Amino acid sequence: MHAIHADDLVLVAVVRQPRDLDIARVLGWYRIPVDTAPKTLRVDWLAFYQTAGFGEDRWSVRQAAPVRGFELVRRADLLRDEPEHPHADEPYFKVQLGPMEALPHPIHSERWKRFTFVYTTGDRLLSARDVTELTIAPGAERDRLWRMLRERPM
């Protein structure tokens, strides 16, 4: 089992349906449309912000998984039971994940937050109590985060 470290790079991604979180947990991957992908996927962890589709667990981050790599695939190749989906032929990143881990405590949001991805650090992920605490404000800490992202090997 991996442990999240303070200096680890974390990408918080939105997961809209329990099915998608189950895919990440059981099959070990998460999909991101190339058109809406963040600048880089070269991170240590992927954390999951659960939206309204999760009922009582909505608007929270409760789990993360180590990122093992990623590849470019068509959506239809990822979700073979949806060959007629309007985006079936579009390119997606398939992010390969290690075992899902529960965070020490859920990171809640009082209300729905609109975002697609947030880069943060392991220490923020482990210490945040509210989703807004994951965002790194402009300044030295954000500069450090972007420097760490730029220095990552491909």
N, C-alpha and C. Protein backbone atom coordinates (compact mmCIF):
# COMPACT_ATOMS: atom_id res chain seq x y z
N MET A 1 0.83 -1.18 0.00
CA MET A 1 0.00 0.00 0.00
C MET A 1 0.88 1.25 0.00
N HIS A 2 0.59 2.18 -0.86
CA HIS A 2 1.32 3.44 -0.94
C HIS A 2 0.84 4.39 0.15
N ALA A 3 1.68 5.28 0.54
CA ALA A 3 1.28 6.33 1.47
C ALA A 3 1.43 7.66 0.76
N ILE A 4 0.49 8.55 0.99
CA ILE A 4 0.56 9.88 0.41
C ILE A 4 1.58 10.68 1.22
N HIS A 5 2.53 11.27 0.51
CA HIS A 5 3.57 12.08 1.15
C HIS A 5 3.30 13.57 0.92
N ALA A 6 3.81 14.40 1.81
CA ALA A 6 3.56 15.84 1.77
C ALA A 6 3.92 16.46 0.42
N ASP A 7 5.02 16.05 -0.18
CA ASP A 7 5.47 16.64 -1.45
C ASP A 7 4.92 15.96 -2.69
N ASP A 8 4.05 14.99 -2.52
CA ASP A 8 3.46 14.34 -3.69
C ASP A 8 2.58 15.32 -4.45
N LEU A 9 2.57 15.17 -5.77
CA LEU A 9 1.69 15.96 -6.62
C LEU A 9 0.36 15.21 -6.77
N VAL A 10 -0.72 15.94 -6.58
CA VAL A 10 -2.05 15.34 -6.60
C VAL A 10 -2.92 16.10 -7.60
N LEU A 11 -3.65 15.36 -8.40
CA LEU A 11 -4.65 15.93 -9.29
C LEU A 11 -6.02 15.52 -8.75
N VAL A 12 -6.83 16.51 -8.40
CA VAL A 12 -8.19 16.24 -7.96
C VAL A 12 -9.08 16.30 -9.19
N ALA A 13 -9.78 15.21 -9.45
CA ALA A 13 -10.63 15.10 -10.63
C ALA A 13 -12.08 14.90 -10.21
N VAL A 14 -12.98 15.38 -11.02
CA VAL A 14 -14.41 15.25 -10.76
C VAL A 14 -14.87 13.86 -11.21
N VAL A 15 -15.63 13.20 -10.34
CA VAL A 15 -16.26 11.94 -10.70
C VAL A 15 -17.76 12.13 -10.47
N ARG A 16 -18.54 11.95 -11.55
CA ARG A 16 -19.95 12.30 -11.51
C ARG A 16 -20.87 11.15 -11.11
N GLN A 17 -20.43 9.94 -11.34
CA GLN A 17 -21.30 8.78 -11.09
C GLN A 17 -20.57 7.71 -10.28
N PRO A 18 -21.29 7.04 -9.39
CA PRO A 18 -20.67 5.93 -8.66
C PRO A 18 -20.03 4.88 -9.58
N ARG A 19 -20.62 4.67 -10.75
CA ARG A 19 -20.06 3.70 -11.69
C ARG A 19 -18.61 4.05 -12.05
N ASP A 20 -18.34 5.34 -12.27
CA ASP A 20 -16.99 5.75 -12.64
C ASP A 20 -16.00 5.55 -11.50
N LEU A 21 -16.45 5.77 -10.27
CA LEU A 21 -15.59 5.52 -9.12
C LEU A 21 -15.36 4.01 -8.94
N ASP A 22 -16.38 3.21 -9.22
CA ASP A 22 -16.23 1.75 -9.17
C ASP A 22 -15.23 1.27 -10.21
N ILE A 23 -15.26 1.85 -11.41
CA ILE A 23 -14.30 1.49 -12.45
C ILE A 23 -12.88 1.79 -11.97
N ALA A 24 -12.69 2.96 -11.37
CA ALA A 24 -11.37 3.32 -10.85
C ALA A 24 -10.93 2.35 -9.76
N ARG A 25 -11.83 1.99 -8.88
CA ARG A 25 -11.50 1.11 -7.76
C ARG A 25 -11.26 -0.34 -8.21
N VAL A 26 -12.16 -0.86 -9.02
CA VAL A 26 -12.11 -2.28 -9.39
C VAL A 26 -11.20 -2.56 -10.59
N LEU A 27 -11.33 -1.73 -11.64
CA LEU A 27 -10.57 -1.97 -12.86
C LEU A 27 -9.24 -1.21 -12.89
N GLY A 28 -9.10 -0.21 -12.02
CA GLY A 28 -7.83 0.49 -11.90
C GLY A 28 -7.55 1.52 -12.98
N TRP A 29 -8.59 2.20 -13.48
CA TRP A 29 -8.36 3.28 -14.43
C TRP A 29 -9.45 4.34 -14.33
N TYR A 30 -9.10 5.53 -14.82
CA TYR A 30 -10.02 6.67 -14.86
C TYR A 30 -9.86 7.31 -16.23
N ARG A 31 -10.95 7.76 -16.82
CA ARG A 31 -10.89 8.34 -18.17
C ARG A 31 -11.02 9.85 -18.11
N ILE A 32 -10.26 10.50 -19.00
CA ILE A 32 -10.30 11.95 -19.12
C ILE A 32 -10.34 12.29 -20.61
N PRO A 33 -11.37 13.01 -21.07
CA PRO A 33 -11.39 13.41 -22.48
C PRO A 33 -10.17 14.29 -22.78
N VAL A 34 -9.52 14.02 -23.89
CA VAL A 34 -8.35 14.81 -24.28
C VAL A 34 -8.69 16.29 -24.37
N ASP A 35 -9.88 16.59 -24.89
CA ASP A 35 -10.29 18.00 -25.07
C ASP A 35 -10.36 18.78 -23.77
N THR A 36 -10.62 18.12 -22.65
CA THR A 36 -10.75 18.82 -21.37
C THR A 36 -9.67 18.43 -20.37
N ALA A 37 -8.65 17.73 -20.84
CA ALA A 37 -7.60 17.24 -19.94
C ALA A 37 -6.79 18.41 -19.36
N PRO A 38 -6.26 18.21 -18.14
CA PRO A 38 -5.40 19.24 -17.56
C PRO A 38 -4.07 19.29 -18.31
N LYS A 39 -3.25 20.28 -17.98
CA LYS A 39 -1.97 20.48 -18.68
C LYS A 39 -1.07 19.26 -18.63
N THR A 40 -1.04 18.57 -17.51
CA THR A 40 -0.21 17.36 -17.39
C THR A 40 -0.89 16.33 -16.51
N LEU A 41 -0.62 15.09 -16.81
CA LEU A 41 -1.10 13.98 -15.99
C LEU A 41 0.06 13.35 -15.21
N ARG A 42 1.19 14.01 -15.25
CA ARG A 42 2.39 13.50 -14.56
C ARG A 42 2.31 13.85 -13.08
N VAL A 43 1.42 13.17 -12.38
CA VAL A 43 1.21 13.39 -10.96
C VAL A 43 1.38 12.07 -10.22
N ASP A 44 1.49 12.17 -8.89
CA ASP A 44 1.65 10.96 -8.07
C ASP A 44 0.32 10.32 -7.72
N TRP A 45 -0.69 11.16 -7.52
CA TRP A 45 -2.00 10.68 -7.05
C TRP A 45 -3.13 11.34 -7.82
N LEU A 46 -4.22 10.59 -7.95
CA LEU A 46 -5.47 11.11 -8.46
C LEU A 46 -6.47 11.01 -7.31
N ALA A 47 -7.05 12.14 -6.92
CA ALA A 47 -8.09 12.16 -5.89
C ALA A 47 -9.42 12.44 -6.57
N PHE A 48 -10.51 12.02 -5.96
CA PHE A 48 -11.81 12.06 -6.62
C PHE A 48 -12.81 12.93 -5.88
N TYR A 49 -13.26 13.99 -6.55
CA TYR A 49 -14.31 14.87 -6.02
C TYR A 49 -15.65 14.32 -6.49
N GLN A 50 -16.47 13.90 -5.55
CA GLN A 50 -17.75 13.27 -5.85
C GLN A 50 -18.86 14.33 -5.94
N THR A 51 -19.61 14.29 -7.04
CA THR A 51 -20.67 15.27 -7.27
C THR A 51 -22.00 14.78 -6.71
N ALA A 52 -23.08 15.45 -7.09
CA ALA A 52 -24.41 15.18 -6.55
C ALA A 52 -24.88 13.73 -6.75
N GLY A 53 -24.35 13.05 -7.74
CA GLY A 53 -24.73 11.66 -8.01
C GLY A 53 -24.39 10.70 -6.88
N PHE A 54 -23.67 11.16 -5.87
CA PHE A 54 -23.25 10.30 -4.77
C PHE A 54 -24.11 10.45 -3.52
N GLY A 55 -25.24 11.12 -3.64
CA GLY A 55 -26.17 11.24 -2.51
C GLY A 55 -25.53 11.87 -1.29
N GLU A 56 -25.57 11.17 -0.17
CA GLU A 56 -25.02 11.69 1.10
C GLU A 56 -23.53 12.00 1.01
N ASP A 57 -22.80 11.31 0.15
CA ASP A 57 -21.35 11.52 0.00
C ASP A 57 -21.01 12.57 -1.04
N ARG A 58 -22.01 13.30 -1.53
CA ARG A 58 -21.79 14.29 -2.58
C ARG A 58 -20.91 15.44 -2.08
N TRP A 59 -20.34 16.14 -3.04
CA TRP A 59 -19.54 17.34 -2.81
C TRP A 59 -18.42 17.07 -1.81
N SER A 60 -17.69 16.00 -2.05
CA SER A 60 -16.59 15.66 -1.14
C SER A 60 -15.50 14.87 -1.87
N VAL A 61 -14.33 14.90 -1.26
CA VAL A 61 -13.20 14.09 -1.71
C VAL A 61 -12.96 13.09 -0.59
N ARG A 62 -13.03 11.80 -0.90
CA ARG A 62 -12.92 10.76 0.11
C ARG A 62 -11.83 9.73 -0.19
N GLN A 63 -11.40 9.67 -1.46
CA GLN A 63 -10.47 8.64 -1.87
C GLN A 63 -9.45 9.16 -2.86
N ALA A 64 -8.34 8.47 -2.91
CA ALA A 64 -7.29 8.78 -3.88
C ALA A 64 -6.63 7.47 -4.29
N ALA A 65 -5.96 7.51 -5.44
CA ALA A 65 -5.25 6.34 -5.93
C ALA A 65 -3.94 6.79 -6.56
N PRO A 66 -2.87 6.00 -6.38
CA PRO A 66 -1.61 6.36 -7.03
C PRO A 66 -1.72 6.22 -8.54
N VAL A 67 -1.10 7.15 -9.25
CA VAL A 67 -1.10 7.12 -10.71
C VAL A 67 0.09 6.30 -11.17
N ARG A 68 -0.18 5.31 -12.01
CA ARG A 68 0.88 4.43 -12.52
C ARG A 68 1.28 4.73 -13.95
N GLY A 69 0.47 5.52 -14.64
CA GLY A 69 0.77 5.86 -16.02
C GLY A 69 -0.51 6.25 -16.74
N PHE A 70 -0.38 6.55 -18.02
CA PHE A 70 -1.55 6.88 -18.82
C PHE A 70 -1.27 6.59 -20.28
N GLU A 71 -2.36 6.39 -21.03
CA GLU A 71 -2.25 6.13 -22.45
C GLU A 71 -3.43 6.77 -23.16
N LEU A 72 -3.30 6.94 -24.46
CA LEU A 72 -4.34 7.53 -25.28
C LEU A 72 -5.16 6.41 -25.93
N VAL A 73 -6.49 6.46 -25.74
CA VAL A 73 -7.39 5.45 -26.31
C VAL A 73 -8.69 6.11 -26.76
N ARG A 74 -9.46 5.39 -27.55
CA ARG A 74 -10.79 5.87 -27.91
C ARG A 74 -11.77 5.52 -26.79
N ARG A 75 -12.76 6.37 -26.59
CA ARG A 75 -13.74 6.12 -25.53
C ARG A 75 -14.41 4.75 -25.73
N ALA A 76 -14.71 4.41 -26.98
CA ALA A 76 -15.37 3.14 -27.27
C ALA A 76 -14.53 1.94 -26.82
N ASP A 77 -13.21 2.10 -26.81
CA ASP A 77 -12.34 1.01 -26.38
C ASP A 77 -12.32 0.89 -24.85
N LEU A 78 -12.65 1.97 -24.18
CA LEU A 78 -12.71 1.94 -22.72
C LEU A 78 -14.06 1.42 -22.23
N LEU A 79 -15.12 1.91 -22.84
CA LEU A 79 -16.48 1.55 -22.42
C LEU A 79 -17.16 0.81 -23.56
N ARG A 80 -16.84 -0.45 -23.65
CA ARG A 80 -17.31 -1.28 -24.78
C ARG A 80 -18.82 -1.47 -24.78
N ASP A 81 -19.47 -1.24 -23.63
CA ASP A 81 -20.92 -1.38 -23.57
C ASP A 81 -21.65 -0.12 -24.05
N GLU A 82 -20.90 0.88 -24.52
CA GLU A 82 -21.49 2.12 -25.03
C GLU A 82 -20.98 2.46 -26.43
N PRO A 83 -21.07 1.51 -27.39
CA PRO A 83 -20.50 1.76 -28.73
C PRO A 83 -21.21 2.89 -29.50
N GLU A 84 -22.44 3.20 -29.13
CA GLU A 84 -23.20 4.23 -29.84
C GLU A 84 -23.14 5.59 -29.12
N HIS A 85 -22.35 5.70 -28.10
CA HIS A 85 -22.25 6.97 -27.37
C HIS A 85 -21.78 8.06 -28.33
N PRO A 86 -22.30 9.29 -28.19
CA PRO A 86 -21.91 10.38 -29.11
C PRO A 86 -20.40 10.66 -29.14
N HIS A 87 -19.69 10.32 -28.07
CA HIS A 87 -18.25 10.57 -28.01
C HIS A 87 -17.42 9.28 -28.18
N ALA A 88 -18.05 8.23 -28.68
CA ALA A 88 -17.40 6.92 -28.77
C ALA A 88 -16.06 6.94 -29.50
N ASP A 89 -15.94 7.74 -30.54
CA ASP A 89 -14.71 7.76 -31.33
C ASP A 89 -13.70 8.82 -30.90
N GLU A 90 -14.02 9.55 -29.85
CA GLU A 90 -13.13 10.62 -29.40
C GLU A 90 -11.99 10.08 -28.54
N PRO A 91 -10.84 10.78 -28.58
CA PRO A 91 -9.69 10.31 -27.79
C PRO A 91 -9.82 10.67 -26.31
N TYR A 92 -9.41 9.73 -25.48
CA TYR A 92 -9.43 9.89 -24.03
C TYR A 92 -8.09 9.44 -23.47
N PHE A 93 -7.71 10.03 -22.36
CA PHE A 93 -6.58 9.50 -21.61
C PHE A 93 -7.12 8.45 -20.66
N LYS A 94 -6.51 7.30 -20.69
CA LYS A 94 -6.82 6.24 -19.73
C LYS A 94 -5.70 6.31 -18.68
N VAL A 95 -6.05 6.79 -17.50
CA VAL A 95 -5.08 6.94 -16.43
C VAL A 95 -5.08 5.65 -15.62
N GLN A 96 -3.95 4.94 -15.62
CA GLN A 96 -3.84 3.70 -14.87
C GLN A 96 -3.56 4.01 -13.41
N LEU A 97 -4.30 3.33 -12.54
CA LEU A 97 -4.24 3.61 -11.11
C LEU A 97 -3.83 2.40 -10.30
N GLY A 98 -3.21 2.66 -9.18
CA GLY A 98 -2.94 1.63 -8.19
C GLY A 98 -4.16 1.49 -7.29
N PRO A 99 -4.01 0.77 -6.18
CA PRO A 99 -5.15 0.55 -5.28
C PRO A 99 -5.70 1.85 -4.69
N MET A 100 -7.01 1.94 -4.68
CA MET A 100 -7.71 3.10 -4.12
C MET A 100 -7.52 3.11 -2.61
N GLU A 101 -7.30 4.31 -2.07
CA GLU A 101 -7.13 4.46 -0.64
C GLU A 101 -8.10 5.50 -0.10
N ALA A 102 -8.71 5.20 1.03
CA ALA A 102 -9.57 6.18 1.69
C ALA A 102 -8.69 7.23 2.35
N LEU A 103 -9.10 8.48 2.26
CA LEU A 103 -8.38 9.55 2.94
C LEU A 103 -8.64 9.44 4.44
N PRO A 104 -7.75 9.99 5.27
CA PRO A 104 -7.95 9.90 6.72
C PRO A 104 -9.27 10.51 7.18
N HIS A 105 -9.75 11.50 6.44
CA HIS A 105 -11.05 12.11 6.71
C HIS A 105 -11.56 12.70 5.39
N PRO A 106 -12.88 12.72 5.20
CA PRO A 106 -13.43 13.31 3.98
C PRO A 106 -13.16 14.81 3.93
N ILE A 107 -12.99 15.31 2.73
CA ILE A 107 -12.84 16.74 2.50
C ILE A 107 -14.16 17.20 1.90
N HIS A 108 -14.92 17.97 2.66
CA HIS A 108 -16.26 18.36 2.27
C HIS A 108 -16.30 19.71 1.58
N SER A 109 -17.43 19.96 0.98
CA SER A 109 -17.75 21.27 0.45
C SER A 109 -19.16 21.58 0.93
N GLU A 110 -19.36 22.78 1.44
CA GLU A 110 -20.69 23.16 1.93
C GLU A 110 -21.72 23.13 0.80
N ARG A 111 -21.25 23.44 -0.39
CA ARG A 111 -22.14 23.42 -1.56
C ARG A 111 -21.30 23.00 -2.76
N TRP A 112 -22.00 22.72 -3.83
CA TRP A 112 -21.36 22.27 -5.05
C TRP A 112 -20.32 23.27 -5.52
N LYS A 113 -19.15 22.76 -5.86
CA LYS A 113 -18.07 23.59 -6.43
C LYS A 113 -17.92 23.21 -7.89
N ARG A 114 -17.81 24.22 -8.74
CA ARG A 114 -17.66 23.97 -10.16
C ARG A 114 -16.17 24.02 -10.53
N PHE A 115 -15.63 22.88 -10.85
CA PHE A 115 -14.27 22.79 -11.36
C PHE A 115 -14.14 21.48 -12.10
N THR A 116 -13.12 21.36 -12.89
CA THR A 116 -12.86 20.12 -13.60
C THR A 116 -11.68 19.41 -12.96
N PHE A 117 -10.58 20.14 -12.77
CA PHE A 117 -9.38 19.57 -12.16
C PHE A 117 -8.73 20.61 -11.26
N VAL A 118 -8.10 20.13 -10.21
CA VAL A 118 -7.33 20.99 -9.31
C VAL A 118 -6.02 20.28 -9.00
N TYR A 119 -4.91 20.96 -9.23
CA TYR A 119 -3.62 20.43 -8.78
C TYR A 119 -3.42 20.85 -7.34
N THR A 120 -2.90 19.93 -6.54
CA THR A 120 -2.60 20.24 -5.15
C THR A 120 -1.43 19.37 -4.71
N THR A 121 -1.14 19.41 -3.43
CA THR A 121 -0.02 18.63 -2.89
C THR A 121 -0.56 17.62 -1.88
N GLY A 122 0.28 16.65 -1.58
CA GLY A 122 -0.10 15.63 -0.62
C GLY A 122 -0.43 16.21 0.74
N ASP A 123 0.35 17.18 1.19
CA ASP A 123 0.08 17.76 2.50
C ASP A 123 -1.28 18.45 2.53
N ARG A 124 -1.64 19.14 1.48
CA ARG A 124 -2.96 19.79 1.43
C ARG A 124 -4.07 18.75 1.39
N LEU A 125 -3.88 17.69 0.62
CA LEU A 125 -4.89 16.65 0.53
C LEU A 125 -5.13 16.01 1.90
N LEU A 126 -4.07 15.81 2.65
CA LEU A 126 -4.20 15.15 3.95
C LEU A 126 -4.71 16.08 5.05
N SER A 127 -4.50 17.40 4.89
CA SER A 127 -4.88 18.31 5.97
C SER A 127 -6.17 19.09 5.70
N ALA A 128 -6.60 19.20 4.45
CA ALA A 128 -7.78 20.00 4.12
C ALA A 128 -9.03 19.42 4.76
N ARG A 129 -9.88 20.32 5.20
CA ARG A 129 -11.20 19.94 5.74
C ARG A 129 -12.30 20.37 4.78
N ASP A 130 -11.99 21.38 3.95
CA ASP A 130 -12.93 21.90 2.97
C ASP A 130 -12.25 21.88 1.60
N VAL A 131 -13.02 21.63 0.56
CA VAL A 131 -12.50 21.54 -0.80
C VAL A 131 -11.74 22.80 -1.19
N THR A 132 -12.18 23.96 -0.71
CA THR A 132 -11.50 25.21 -1.06
C THR A 132 -10.05 25.23 -0.57
N GLU A 133 -9.73 24.46 0.46
CA GLU A 133 -8.37 24.41 1.00
C GLU A 133 -7.41 23.63 0.10
N LEU A 134 -7.92 22.94 -0.91
CA LEU A 134 -7.07 22.20 -1.83
C LEU A 134 -6.40 23.13 -2.85
N THR A 135 -7.05 24.22 -3.16
CA THR A 135 -6.53 25.16 -4.14
C THR A 135 -5.35 25.93 -3.55
N ILE A 136 -4.31 26.05 -4.34
CA ILE A 136 -3.11 26.77 -3.90
C ILE A 136 -3.15 28.16 -4.52
N ALA A 137 -3.19 29.16 -3.66
CA ALA A 137 -3.29 30.55 -4.10
C ALA A 137 -1.98 31.00 -4.75
N PRO A 138 -2.04 32.03 -5.58
CA PRO A 138 -0.81 32.57 -6.18
C PRO A 138 0.19 32.94 -5.10
N GLY A 139 1.45 32.69 -5.42
CA GLY A 139 2.52 32.99 -4.47
C GLY A 139 3.58 31.92 -4.51
N ALA A 140 4.40 31.87 -3.49
CA ALA A 140 5.54 30.96 -3.45
C ALA A 140 5.13 29.49 -3.51
N GLU A 141 4.04 29.13 -2.80
CA GLU A 141 3.62 27.73 -2.80
C GLU A 141 3.14 27.30 -4.18
N ARG A 142 2.39 28.16 -4.86
CA ARG A 142 1.92 27.83 -6.21
C ARG A 142 3.10 27.77 -7.18
N ASP A 143 4.05 28.69 -7.06
CA ASP A 143 5.24 28.66 -7.90
C ASP A 143 5.98 27.34 -7.73
N ARG A 144 6.10 26.89 -6.49
CA ARG A 144 6.75 25.61 -6.18
C ARG A 144 6.00 24.45 -6.84
N LEU A 145 4.67 24.47 -6.74
CA LEU A 145 3.85 23.42 -7.35
C LEU A 145 4.08 23.36 -8.85
N TRP A 146 4.04 24.50 -9.55
CA TRP A 146 4.23 24.51 -11.00
C TRP A 146 5.64 24.10 -11.38
N ARG A 147 6.61 24.49 -10.57
CA ARG A 147 7.99 24.06 -10.83
C ARG A 147 8.10 22.54 -10.72
N MET A 148 7.45 21.96 -9.70
CA MET A 148 7.47 20.51 -9.54
C MET A 148 6.81 19.83 -10.73
N LEU A 149 5.71 20.38 -11.22
CA LEU A 149 5.03 19.80 -12.38
C LEU A 149 5.89 19.87 -13.63
N ARG A 150 6.55 21.02 -13.85
CA ARG A 150 7.41 21.17 -15.03
C ARG A 150 8.61 20.24 -15.01
N GLU A 151 9.13 19.95 -13.83
CA GLU A 151 10.33 19.13 -13.71
C GLU A 151 10.07 17.63 -13.77
N ARG A 152 8.81 17.25 -13.87
CA ARG A 152 8.46 15.84 -13.93
C ARG A 152 8.93 15.21 -15.24
N PRO A 153 9.51 14.02 -15.17
CA PRO A 153 9.86 13.33 -16.42
C PRO A 153 8.59 12.89 -17.16
N MET A 154 8.68 12.85 -18.45
CA MET A 154 7.52 12.43 -19.26
C MET A 154 7.22 11.04 -18.98
